[in-house]
Protein backbone atom coordinates (compact mmCIF):
# COMPACT_ATOMS: atom_id res chain seq x y z
CA MET A 1 119.18 125.17 97.22
CA LYS A 2 117.87 124.56 100.74
CA HIS A 3 116.11 121.24 101.26
CA PRO A 4 112.72 121.55 103.01
CA LYS A 5 113.88 119.13 105.70
CA GLY A 6 117.18 120.77 106.39
CA GLY A 7 119.50 119.23 103.83
CA CYS A 8 120.40 120.39 100.36
CA VAL A 9 119.07 119.73 96.90
CA ARG A 10 120.84 120.27 93.63
CA TRP A 11 120.15 119.61 89.98
CA SER A 12 122.86 118.44 87.65
CA GLY A 13 122.60 118.57 83.88
CA ASP A 14 123.87 115.92 81.46
CA ASN A 15 123.29 117.29 77.98
CA ASP A 16 119.51 117.48 77.77
CA LYS A 17 118.98 115.22 80.78
CA THR A 18 118.75 116.54 84.31
CA TYR A 19 118.18 114.54 87.45
CA LEU A 20 117.12 115.50 90.94
CA TYR A 21 119.51 114.55 93.71
CA GLU A 22 118.99 114.74 97.43
CA LEU A 23 121.67 115.22 100.07
CA LYS A 24 120.16 113.44 103.03
CA TYR A 25 122.20 114.90 105.86
CA PRO A 26 121.68 116.89 108.01
CA ALA A 27 117.93 116.37 107.55
CA LYS A 28 115.53 116.53 110.51
CA LYS A 29 114.05 113.24 109.42
CA GLN A 30 115.83 110.62 107.37
CA LEU A 31 113.92 109.99 104.20
CA LEU A 32 114.38 106.28 104.76
CA LEU A 33 115.74 105.57 101.28
CA ILE A 34 119.22 104.48 102.20
CA ILE A 35 118.37 103.02 105.57
CA PHE A 36 119.61 99.45 105.74
CA ILE A 37 121.63 96.96 103.79
CA CYS A 38 118.46 94.95 103.17
CA LEU A 39 117.51 97.68 100.70
CA SER A 40 120.67 97.06 98.73
CA TYR A 41 118.88 96.45 95.46
CA LEU A 42 117.49 99.98 95.68
CA LEU A 43 120.80 101.45 96.73
CA MET A 44 122.69 99.82 93.90
CA ALA A 45 120.32 101.44 91.42
CA GLN A 46 121.03 104.79 93.03
CA GLY A 47 124.79 104.61 92.91
CA GLY A 48 125.40 101.96 95.55
CA ILE A 49 126.62 101.85 99.09
CA GLU A 50 129.95 103.59 99.01
CA LYS A 51 131.31 102.51 102.36
CA ILE A 52 130.73 99.59 104.70
CA GLU A 53 133.06 99.25 107.66
CA HIS A 54 133.80 95.66 108.64
CA TYR A 55 135.13 94.59 112.06
CA THR A 56 136.48 91.14 112.90
CA ILE A 57 138.75 89.47 115.46
CA GLU A 58 141.70 91.29 113.88
CA ASP A 59 140.07 94.60 114.86
CA GLY A 60 139.69 93.57 118.49
CA LEU A 61 136.43 91.59 118.70
CA SER A 62 136.55 88.54 120.95
CA ASN A 63 134.66 86.49 118.36
CA ALA A 64 133.34 87.01 114.82
CA SER A 65 129.89 85.48 115.39
CA ILE A 66 127.76 88.43 116.54
CA THR A 67 124.57 87.52 118.39
CA CYS A 68 123.18 90.88 119.58
CA ILE A 69 124.04 94.59 119.79
CA LEU A 70 123.02 97.31 122.25
CA GLN A 71 123.97 100.97 122.85
CA ASP A 72 123.77 101.95 126.51
CA LYS A 73 122.66 105.24 128.04
CA ARG A 74 126.23 106.55 128.06
CA GLY A 75 126.70 105.87 124.37
CA PHE A 76 128.93 102.79 124.52
CA LEU A 77 128.12 100.07 122.01
CA TRP A 78 127.97 96.54 123.43
CA ILE A 79 128.47 93.60 121.08
CA ALA A 80 127.61 90.12 122.31
CA THR A 81 129.18 87.14 120.57
CA ASP A 82 129.44 83.38 120.80
CA TRP A 83 132.57 83.94 122.86
CA GLY A 84 132.27 86.92 125.15
CA LEU A 85 131.05 90.51 125.44
CA ASN A 86 132.70 93.52 123.77
CA ARG A 87 132.47 97.25 124.48
CA TYR A 88 133.12 99.66 121.61
CA ASP A 89 133.86 103.34 122.33
CA GLY A 90 134.06 104.47 118.72
CA ARG A 91 137.76 103.68 118.42
CA THR A 92 138.65 100.43 120.16
CA PHE A 93 137.03 97.26 121.48
CA LYS A 94 137.33 96.14 125.07
CA GLN A 95 136.79 92.44 125.61
CA TYR A 96 135.03 90.67 128.49
CA ALA A 97 135.79 87.12 127.45
CA THR A 98 137.47 85.32 130.35
CA ILE A 99 135.41 82.57 131.94
CA LYS A 100 134.52 83.15 135.60
CA LYS A 101 136.45 86.45 135.72
CA ASN A 102 134.46 88.92 137.86
CA GLY A 103 131.58 86.43 137.87
CA LEU A 104 131.17 85.68 134.14
CA ILE A 105 130.06 82.03 134.01
CA ASP A 106 129.34 81.57 130.29
CA LEU A 107 130.80 83.25 127.19
CA ALA A 108 128.08 82.29 124.66
CA ILE A 109 125.73 85.28 124.98
CA THR A 110 122.31 85.10 123.31
CA ALA A 111 120.53 88.33 124.38
CA LEU A 112 121.25 91.81 125.82
CA ALA A 113 119.10 94.36 127.65
CA GLU A 114 119.72 97.46 129.78
CA ASP A 115 117.71 98.35 132.88
CA ALA A 116 116.87 101.79 134.27
CA GLU A 117 119.99 101.83 136.47
CA GLY A 118 122.26 101.23 133.49
CA ARG A 119 123.08 97.60 134.26
CA LEU A 120 123.30 95.17 131.39
CA TRP A 121 121.48 91.86 131.46
CA LEU A 122 122.75 88.92 129.42
CA THR A 123 121.32 85.51 128.71
CA THR A 124 123.45 82.40 128.20
CA ASN A 125 122.88 78.67 128.17
CA SER A 126 124.00 78.61 131.80
CA GLY A 127 121.60 81.27 133.05
CA VAL A 128 121.11 85.03 133.25
CA ILE A 129 123.98 87.41 134.04
CA SER A 130 123.84 91.04 135.13
CA PHE A 131 126.80 93.31 134.47
CA ASP A 132 127.61 96.57 136.21
CA PRO A 133 129.54 98.63 133.63
CA PHE A 134 130.85 100.97 136.34
CA THR A 135 132.44 98.28 138.54
CA GLU A 136 132.82 95.78 135.67
CA ILE A 137 131.48 93.01 137.92
CA PHE A 138 129.26 90.21 136.59
CA THR A 139 126.57 88.64 138.78
CA SER A 140 125.27 85.26 137.66
CA TYR A 141 121.85 83.70 138.18
CA PRO A 142 122.39 80.08 137.09
CA PHE A 143 119.66 77.91 135.64
CA ILE A 144 119.61 75.80 132.50
CA GLY A 145 117.90 76.45 129.18
CA VAL A 146 117.27 80.21 129.12
CA GLU A 147 115.34 81.01 125.94
CA ALA A 148 114.26 84.69 126.04
CA LEU A 149 114.94 87.94 127.93
CA TYR A 150 112.78 91.07 128.15
CA ILE A 151 112.48 94.22 130.31
CA ASP A 152 108.94 95.59 130.20
CA LYS A 153 107.79 99.20 130.54
CA SER A 154 107.52 98.89 134.33
CA GLY A 155 111.13 97.71 134.57
CA THR A 156 110.30 94.09 135.34
CA ILE A 157 112.90 91.65 133.99
CA TRP A 158 111.45 88.53 132.37
CA CYS A 159 113.10 85.39 131.10
CA SER A 160 112.06 81.86 130.24
CA SER A 161 113.57 78.43 130.67
CA THR A 162 111.97 75.37 129.06
CA SER A 163 108.24 75.86 129.72
CA VAL A 164 108.56 78.11 132.79
CA ILE A 165 108.41 81.94 132.95
CA TYR A 166 110.61 83.74 135.46
CA CYS A 167 110.56 87.28 136.87
CA PHE A 168 113.43 88.92 138.69
CA ASP A 169 112.71 89.58 142.36
CA ARG A 170 114.85 92.59 143.27
CA ASP A 171 114.28 92.19 147.01
CA LYS A 172 115.46 88.58 147.02
CA ASN A 173 117.96 89.21 144.21
CA LYS A 174 116.95 86.13 142.26
CA PHE A 175 114.67 84.95 139.47
CA GLN A 176 111.40 83.47 140.69
CA PRO A 177 108.97 81.32 138.69
CA PHE A 178 105.92 83.32 137.68
CA THR A 179 103.63 81.35 140.08
CA THR A 180 102.43 78.11 138.50
CA ILE A 181 102.29 79.38 134.93
CA THR A 182 103.80 76.66 132.77
CA LEU A 183 102.08 77.57 129.50
CA GLN A 184 100.54 74.12 129.38
CA ASP A 185 97.45 74.38 131.54
CA LYS A 186 94.66 72.29 129.99
CA GLU A 187 96.28 72.08 126.58
CA THR A 188 97.32 68.65 125.45
CA LYS A 189 100.37 70.02 123.64
CA THR A 190 103.23 71.17 125.84
CA ASN A 191 105.35 74.26 125.27
CA PRO A 192 109.06 73.44 125.27
CA TYR A 193 110.07 77.11 125.21
CA VAL A 194 109.11 80.78 125.02
CA SER A 195 110.99 82.48 122.17
CA ASP A 196 109.93 86.10 122.76
CA PHE A 197 108.17 88.45 125.17
CA PHE A 198 106.48 91.57 123.80
CA GLU A 199 104.53 94.46 125.35
CA ASP A 200 102.45 96.30 122.76
CA SER A 201 101.37 99.96 122.62
CA ARG A 202 98.12 99.11 124.41
CA GLY A 203 99.96 97.56 127.35
CA ARG A 204 99.09 93.97 126.45
CA PHE A 205 101.81 91.45 127.25
CA TRP A 206 102.36 88.71 124.66
CA LEU A 207 104.45 85.55 124.58
CA ALA A 208 105.63 83.86 121.40
CA THR A 209 106.04 80.16 122.12
CA SER A 210 106.60 76.90 120.31
CA TYR A 211 102.88 76.28 120.66
CA GLY A 212 101.27 79.52 119.52
CA ILE A 213 100.93 82.98 121.04
CA LYS A 214 99.83 83.67 124.59
CA LEU A 215 98.23 86.89 125.86
CA LEU A 216 99.35 87.07 129.48
CA ASP A 217 97.41 88.90 132.19
CA LYS A 218 100.06 89.86 134.76
CA LYS A 219 97.52 90.69 137.47
CA THR A 220 95.49 87.49 137.35
CA ARG A 221 98.55 85.46 136.30
CA SER A 222 96.54 83.76 133.59
CA TYR A 223 96.67 83.78 129.83
CA ILE A 224 94.64 83.36 126.66
CA SER A 225 96.15 80.98 124.13
CA TYR A 226 96.07 81.59 120.37
CA HIS A 227 97.19 78.45 118.61
CA PHE A 228 96.32 76.41 115.55
CA PRO A 229 94.87 72.89 115.82
CA GLU A 230 97.25 69.95 115.98
CA THR A 231 96.88 66.22 116.12
CA ALA A 232 98.63 63.77 118.40
CA THR A 233 100.93 62.77 115.56
CA HIS A 234 101.31 65.99 113.59
CA HIS A 235 102.81 69.30 114.76
CA ASN A 236 101.40 72.43 113.11
CA ASP A 237 104.33 74.65 112.02
CA LYS A 238 102.15 77.75 112.38
CA ASN A 239 102.45 77.25 116.15
CA SER A 240 106.26 77.46 116.12
CA CYS A 241 106.57 81.21 116.73
CA SER A 242 109.77 83.21 116.86
CA ARG A 243 109.76 87.02 117.15
CA MET A 244 106.95 89.56 117.60
CA PHE A 245 106.58 93.07 116.21
CA GLU A 246 103.98 95.85 116.23
CA ASP A 247 103.78 98.13 113.19
CA SER A 248 102.91 101.84 113.26
CA SER A 249 99.22 101.15 112.72
CA GLY A 250 99.11 98.94 115.82
CA LYS A 251 99.00 95.60 114.03
CA LEU A 252 100.78 92.73 115.72
CA TRP A 253 103.02 90.51 113.56
CA VAL A 254 104.68 87.22 114.49
CA GLY A 255 107.41 85.29 112.68
CA THR A 256 107.35 81.51 112.55
CA TRP A 257 109.89 78.76 112.02
CA GLY A 258 108.68 77.56 108.65
CA SER A 259 105.17 78.94 108.08
CA GLY A 260 105.61 82.53 107.01
CA MET A 261 104.19 85.25 109.24
CA LEU A 262 101.13 85.62 111.44
CA VAL A 263 99.11 88.83 111.83
CA PHE A 264 96.56 89.48 114.58
CA ASN A 265 93.03 90.23 113.42
CA GLU A 266 91.67 92.44 116.21
CA LYS A 267 88.10 92.35 114.94
CA GLU A 268 87.91 88.57 114.84
CA ASN A 269 90.33 88.09 117.77
CA LYS A 270 92.54 85.60 115.99
CA PHE A 271 95.89 85.24 114.27
CA GLU A 272 95.92 84.67 110.52
CA GLN A 273 98.71 83.13 108.47
CA LEU A 274 100.43 84.80 105.53
CA MET A 275 102.79 82.64 103.50
CA PHE A 276 105.54 83.95 101.23
CA ASP A 277 104.96 83.53 97.51
CA SER A 278 108.29 81.71 97.24
CA HIS A 279 109.29 78.27 98.47
CA GLU A 280 112.44 79.85 99.89
CA GLY A 281 112.48 81.95 103.00
CA ASN A 282 109.47 80.68 104.91
CA ASP A 283 111.75 80.00 107.87
CA VAL A 284 111.42 83.52 109.23
CA ASN A 285 112.93 84.96 112.38
CA ILE A 286 111.81 88.59 112.63
CA VAL A 287 114.25 90.58 114.70
CA HIS A 288 113.07 93.11 117.26
CA TRP A 289 113.90 96.25 115.23
CA LEU A 290 111.60 95.35 112.33
CA LYS A 291 109.23 98.04 111.13
CA GLU A 292 107.74 99.22 107.89
CA LEU A 293 109.83 101.65 105.85
CA TYR A 294 108.78 104.19 103.24
CA VAL A 295 110.82 103.60 100.11
CA ASN A 296 109.94 105.33 96.83
CA GLY A 297 106.41 105.81 98.08
CA LYS A 298 106.01 102.19 99.18
CA LYS A 299 105.60 100.71 102.64
CA LEU A 300 107.99 97.82 103.07
CA PHE A 301 108.65 95.17 105.69
CA ILE A 302 112.09 93.61 106.01
CA ALA A 303 112.48 90.11 107.44
CA CYS A 304 115.62 88.07 108.01
CA THR A 305 115.35 84.43 106.95
CA GLU A 306 117.64 81.44 106.60
CA HIS A 307 118.08 82.51 102.97
CA GLY A 308 119.08 86.07 103.81
CA PRO A 309 117.03 89.25 104.24
CA ILE A 310 113.90 89.69 102.15
CA ILE A 311 111.64 92.64 101.43
CA ILE A 312 107.85 92.52 101.58
CA GLU A 313 105.75 95.28 100.05
CA LYS A 314 103.11 96.01 102.68
CA GLU A 315 100.53 97.49 100.30
CA LYS A 316 100.59 94.32 98.20
CA ILE A 317 99.81 92.00 101.09
CA ILE A 318 96.77 89.93 100.17
CA PRO A 319 94.83 87.49 102.36
CA GLY A 320 96.99 84.49 103.05
CA LYS A 321 99.99 85.64 101.03
CA LEU A 322 103.08 87.83 101.33
CA LEU A 323 104.55 88.94 98.02
CA VAL A 324 108.33 88.83 98.26
CA GLN A 325 109.74 91.97 96.66
CA ASN A 326 113.32 90.74 96.52
CA PHE A 327 115.87 88.40 98.03
CA VAL A 328 118.32 91.21 98.48
CA MET A 329 121.88 90.06 98.27
CA ASN A 330 124.13 90.47 95.28
CA ASN A 331 127.70 89.26 94.91
CA GLU A 332 129.27 92.62 95.76
CA LEU A 333 127.28 92.99 98.97
CA LYS A 334 127.87 89.38 99.91
CA PHE A 335 131.56 90.14 99.77
CA LYS A 336 131.21 93.36 101.76
CA LEU A 337 128.99 91.82 104.43
CA ALA A 338 131.01 88.59 104.44
CA SER A 339 127.86 86.50 104.91
CA GLN A 340 124.17 86.30 104.13
CA ASN A 341 123.59 85.01 107.63
CA ILE A 342 122.63 88.24 109.33
CA GLN A 343 121.97 87.51 112.99
CA CYS A 344 121.07 90.95 114.31
CA VAL A 345 120.64 94.57 113.24
CA TYR A 346 120.81 97.66 115.43
CA GLN A 347 120.48 101.41 114.85
CA ASP A 348 122.45 103.58 117.29
CA LYS A 349 121.69 107.10 118.50
CA GLU A 350 123.77 108.59 115.70
CA LYS A 351 121.60 106.76 113.12
CA ASN A 352 124.37 104.34 112.16
CA TYR A 353 123.33 100.79 111.33
CA TRP A 354 125.27 97.92 112.90
CA ILE A 355 124.82 94.50 111.32
CA GLY A 356 125.94 91.38 113.13
CA THR A 357 126.78 88.33 111.04
CA ARG A 358 128.54 85.04 111.68
CA LYS A 359 131.69 86.52 110.16
CA GLY A 360 131.97 89.87 111.86
CA LEU A 361 130.35 93.22 112.55
CA CYS A 362 129.43 95.69 109.78
CA LYS A 363 128.68 99.38 110.11
CA ILE A 364 126.79 101.57 107.64
CA ASP A 365 126.74 105.34 108.13
CA PRO A 366 123.79 106.64 106.04
CA ARG A 367 125.33 110.11 106.13
CA GLN A 368 128.20 108.87 104.00
CA GLN A 369 125.77 107.69 101.33
CA ALA A 370 125.34 111.29 100.26
CA PHE A 371 123.23 111.35 97.10
CA ARG A 372 120.40 109.36 95.62
CA TRP A 373 118.66 109.58 92.30
CA ILE A 374 114.93 110.29 92.14
CA GLY A 375 113.34 109.69 88.76
CA LEU A 376 109.98 111.12 87.75
CA PRO A 377 107.32 108.43 87.30
CA GLY A 378 106.56 106.66 84.05
CA GLY A 379 108.25 107.86 80.89
CA ASN A 380 109.08 111.25 82.39
CA ALA A 381 112.37 110.32 84.07
CA ASP A 382 114.43 112.40 81.65
CA ASN A 383 112.46 115.63 82.09
CA VAL A 384 114.54 118.55 83.32
CA ILE A 385 113.57 119.59 86.85
CA TYR A 386 114.21 123.32 87.15
CA HIS A 387 112.77 124.15 90.58
CA ILE A 388 111.91 122.43 93.87
CA ILE A 389 109.30 124.69 95.49
CA LYS A 390 108.12 124.28 99.06
CA ASP A 391 104.38 124.05 99.49
CA ILE A 392 103.02 127.21 101.13
CA HIS A 393 100.85 125.33 103.65
CA GLN A 394 102.98 122.22 104.29
CA PRO A 395 106.59 123.24 103.56
CA ASP A 396 108.05 120.26 105.45
CA LYS A 397 105.67 117.76 103.87
CA GLN A 398 105.24 118.63 100.19
CA VAL A 399 107.18 120.25 97.35
CA TYR A 400 106.45 121.07 93.72
CA LEU A 401 108.86 120.02 90.97
CA THR A 402 108.69 122.19 87.87
CA THR A 403 109.50 121.04 84.35
CA GLN A 404 108.70 122.41 80.89
CA GLN A 405 106.23 119.56 80.50
CA GLY A 406 104.33 120.53 83.66
CA TRP A 407 104.53 120.37 87.44
CA TRP A 408 104.76 117.43 89.82
CA LYS A 409 103.87 117.22 93.51
CA MET A 410 106.12 115.22 95.84
CA ASP A 411 105.19 113.94 99.30
CA MET A 412 108.41 114.08 101.33
CA ASP A 413 107.42 111.40 103.86
CA SER A 414 106.26 108.71 101.45
CA GLN A 415 108.48 109.88 98.56
CA THR A 416 105.42 109.71 96.28
CA ILE A 417 105.60 111.86 93.12
CA ARG A 418 102.36 112.59 91.26
CA PRO A 419 101.45 114.90 88.35
CA PHE A 420 100.13 118.29 89.45
CA ALA A 421 97.61 119.81 87.04
CA LEU A 422 98.23 123.45 86.07
CA PRO A 423 95.42 125.75 84.88
CA SER A 424 95.21 125.06 81.15
CA LYS A 425 94.95 128.75 80.23
CA TYR A 426 98.25 129.51 82.00
CA PHE A 427 100.07 126.25 81.36
CA GLU A 428 102.79 127.81 79.17
CA ILE A 429 103.70 130.63 81.53
CA LEU A 430 103.79 128.32 84.61
CA ALA A 431 105.62 125.48 82.89
CA SER A 432 108.49 127.81 82.02
CA ILE A 433 108.99 129.75 85.26
CA ASN A 434 112.48 131.12 85.92
CA ASN A 435 112.22 132.17 89.57
CA TYR A 436 109.68 132.50 92.38
CA ALA A 437 109.08 134.24 95.73
CA ALA A 438 106.66 132.61 98.18
CA THR A 439 103.98 134.32 100.26
CA LYS A 440 101.36 132.86 102.60
CA ASP A 441 98.90 132.77 99.69
CA GLY A 442 101.02 131.60 96.76
CA TYR A 443 104.02 132.50 94.60
CA TRP A 444 105.16 135.53 92.68
CA PHE A 445 106.87 134.11 89.63
CA THR A 446 108.94 135.11 86.64
CA SER A 447 108.82 133.14 83.44
CA GLN A 448 110.15 132.76 79.92
CA THR A 449 106.87 134.27 78.73
CA GLY A 450 105.83 136.75 81.39
CA PHE A 451 105.25 137.52 85.06
CA GLY A 452 102.49 137.00 87.63
CA PHE A 453 101.15 135.41 90.83
CA TYR A 454 99.96 131.83 91.30
CA ASP A 455 97.82 130.29 94.07
CA PRO A 456 98.14 126.49 93.59
CA TYR A 457 95.36 125.72 96.07
CA LYS A 458 92.72 127.89 94.42
CA GLN A 459 94.31 127.35 91.00
CA GLU A 460 94.14 131.10 90.42
CA VAL A 461 96.68 133.05 88.33
CA ARG A 462 97.17 136.82 88.12
CA ASP A 463 98.89 137.22 84.79
CA LEU A 464 100.61 140.62 84.92
CA THR A 465 102.57 140.22 81.70
CA ARG A 466 100.49 143.03 80.16
CA LEU A 467 102.19 145.50 82.48
CA LEU A 468 105.39 144.92 80.54
CA GLU A 469 103.87 145.70 77.15
CA PRO A 470 104.02 149.53 77.31
CA ASP A 471 107.82 149.21 77.42
CA LYS A 472 107.69 147.61 73.96
CA THR A 473 110.43 145.25 75.03
CA LYS A 474 111.67 142.68 72.56
CA SER A 475 111.17 139.94 75.13
CA LEU A 476 108.63 139.15 77.82
CA ARG A 477 111.21 136.98 79.58
CA THR A 478 111.58 137.84 83.27
CA GLY A 479 114.28 136.60 85.62
CA LYS A 480 115.02 137.06 89.32
CA VAL A 481 112.17 138.02 91.69
CA LEU A 482 112.06 138.97 95.39
CA ILE A 483 109.82 140.73 97.90
CA ASP A 484 111.26 143.69 99.80
CA ARG A 485 110.47 144.67 103.39
CA SER A 486 107.62 146.92 102.34
CA GLY A 487 105.94 144.17 100.36
CA LYS A 488 106.86 145.47 96.92
CA ILE A 489 107.84 142.95 94.25
CA TRP A 490 111.18 143.42 92.51
CA PHE A 491 111.91 141.48 89.33
CA THR A 492 114.28 141.64 86.39
CA VAL A 493 113.37 141.77 82.69
CA PHE A 494 115.64 140.28 80.05
CA ARG A 495 117.80 143.10 78.61
CA SER A 496 115.49 145.71 80.18
CA GLY A 497 116.69 146.27 83.75
CA ILE A 498 114.54 146.02 86.88
CA ARG A 499 110.84 146.54 87.63
CA ILE A 500 109.25 147.25 91.01
CA LEU A 501 105.59 146.33 91.39
CA ASP A 502 103.27 147.69 94.08
CA PRO A 503 100.73 144.84 94.47
CA ALA A 504 98.14 147.22 95.96
CA THR A 505 97.99 149.45 92.88
CA ASN A 506 99.47 147.22 90.15
CA LYS A 507 101.74 150.14 89.26
CA ILE A 508 105.29 149.49 88.11
CA ILE A 509 108.44 151.55 88.54
CA LYS A 510 111.25 151.02 86.02
CA LEU A 511 114.90 150.98 87.06
CA LEU A 512 117.95 150.82 84.77
CA ASN A 513 115.70 150.63 81.73
CA GLU A 514 118.05 153.04 79.94
CA PRO A 515 121.87 153.19 80.03
CA SER A 516 123.05 154.55 83.38
CA PRO A 517 125.00 157.83 83.42
CA ALA A 518 127.07 156.25 86.19
CA GLY A 519 128.50 153.89 83.62
CA LEU A 520 126.26 150.79 83.84
CA SER A 521 126.40 149.74 80.21
CA GLY A 522 124.31 146.57 80.33
CA LYS A 523 120.64 146.09 81.26
CA ASN A 524 120.79 142.33 82.01
CA ILE A 525 120.44 141.92 85.78
CA TYR A 526 121.16 138.40 86.95
CA ASP A 527 120.54 138.62 90.70
CA LEU A 528 118.71 140.65 93.34
CA GLN A 529 119.08 140.47 97.13
CA VAL A 530 117.40 142.28 100.01
CA GLY A 531 120.11 144.30 101.74
CA PHE A 532 120.68 144.83 105.46
CA PRO A 533 119.24 147.99 107.09
């Protein structure tokens, strides 16, 4: 059966139990159920991750400690490590791990970015390095203590060293301090480093620092500081910020080094703290790919911590607290991933997930995780699902699931399944449908107990079962139904051949109701198809 998003759906019986399965590829949009190893507790319940590819030094990497991953415009995957840069072409790794060769001055790479011309930019403890992948020449810009690297929407390259911000001056081919901005100004507490730059969807430019968050005005070269009070003898951990992220609703989130997460309250123009409801995991470093995911109808955040990745259910966020859904690592996945210490995650253009750990590189291809189980809510998980019917108005967004106990409505984006009330007078005939043909207004349907037309939006039913009664058939069970090119409705009747209905007149023509002189001995028709002209 064709999936409404381009894949396939099948139902598979097990005695009296039938489950709905979804083949996720090639769907136009991934349903975000098997999307990342951090959701392993969900995946294990659905049959598990069948294949994780693991790459180490033996496979050609220069080092097993992966620090960052990037796919360039040409499709090459670049893997930075604690000892050199690696290019992966889908088959083999090419190493760039010789000190000072072609200008490479430091092998411990901490960040990667690609500019509009296709050059790679790398940060190291010895400075910033640009790399031309066409000439394979490195150009070094030495200075000590580089903390962060960012290329904004205008193409400006930013980095930080200790408490100073730098911008790359293309004309002079060097990094220049961003005027006198030191991030200290009149504050009594200094800022040893900037951990992240971030440009949000409104064009605002933010800095995550070790002393709060700064909103930088590039034109006036000034900033507004958002930080929590400190004393001369006590450092406030809420000010030790790590990574920044904007969710799909435009909210700005910030990870901290020991105080949970911060979220920006636009109305009150301040950052508010949300602590995890567990003593573990409050040392959070949110990586740049983080976003909310829709999983079984729930919006989830994923954050990487010193205790491994954790899941936060967004809808259950309450003031001041983040409810941890799960610390998601079991023994099998620990073995497959080789380490809980995930350092980076990247999704390439082919929708593969690449996970960098301290013990190698892991790849997950969601397309190889073919099927997942979807249970109906509550105590209805064992109900037999007979049909998955596209909604007439939103075929890519909603489907109906039919069972003998009633219908359900499923939202394909959020994966939410809710009961769908049928008209009580026609419950029996609709709960036992055998086949359907969709129109712009509703569905022609056959059933175990009759035949008719159903508009689910108006909740109107045209019960045409009475048109079968003059035949005095032993059964009112109807089977296959289709609409021909003239708009007439063809349907089969159990042991009584074929009927053709003209919807304009409600008149029916009978075919093969009696034994055929041509030798057709049976009157059970199992399939109908519209032929070619």
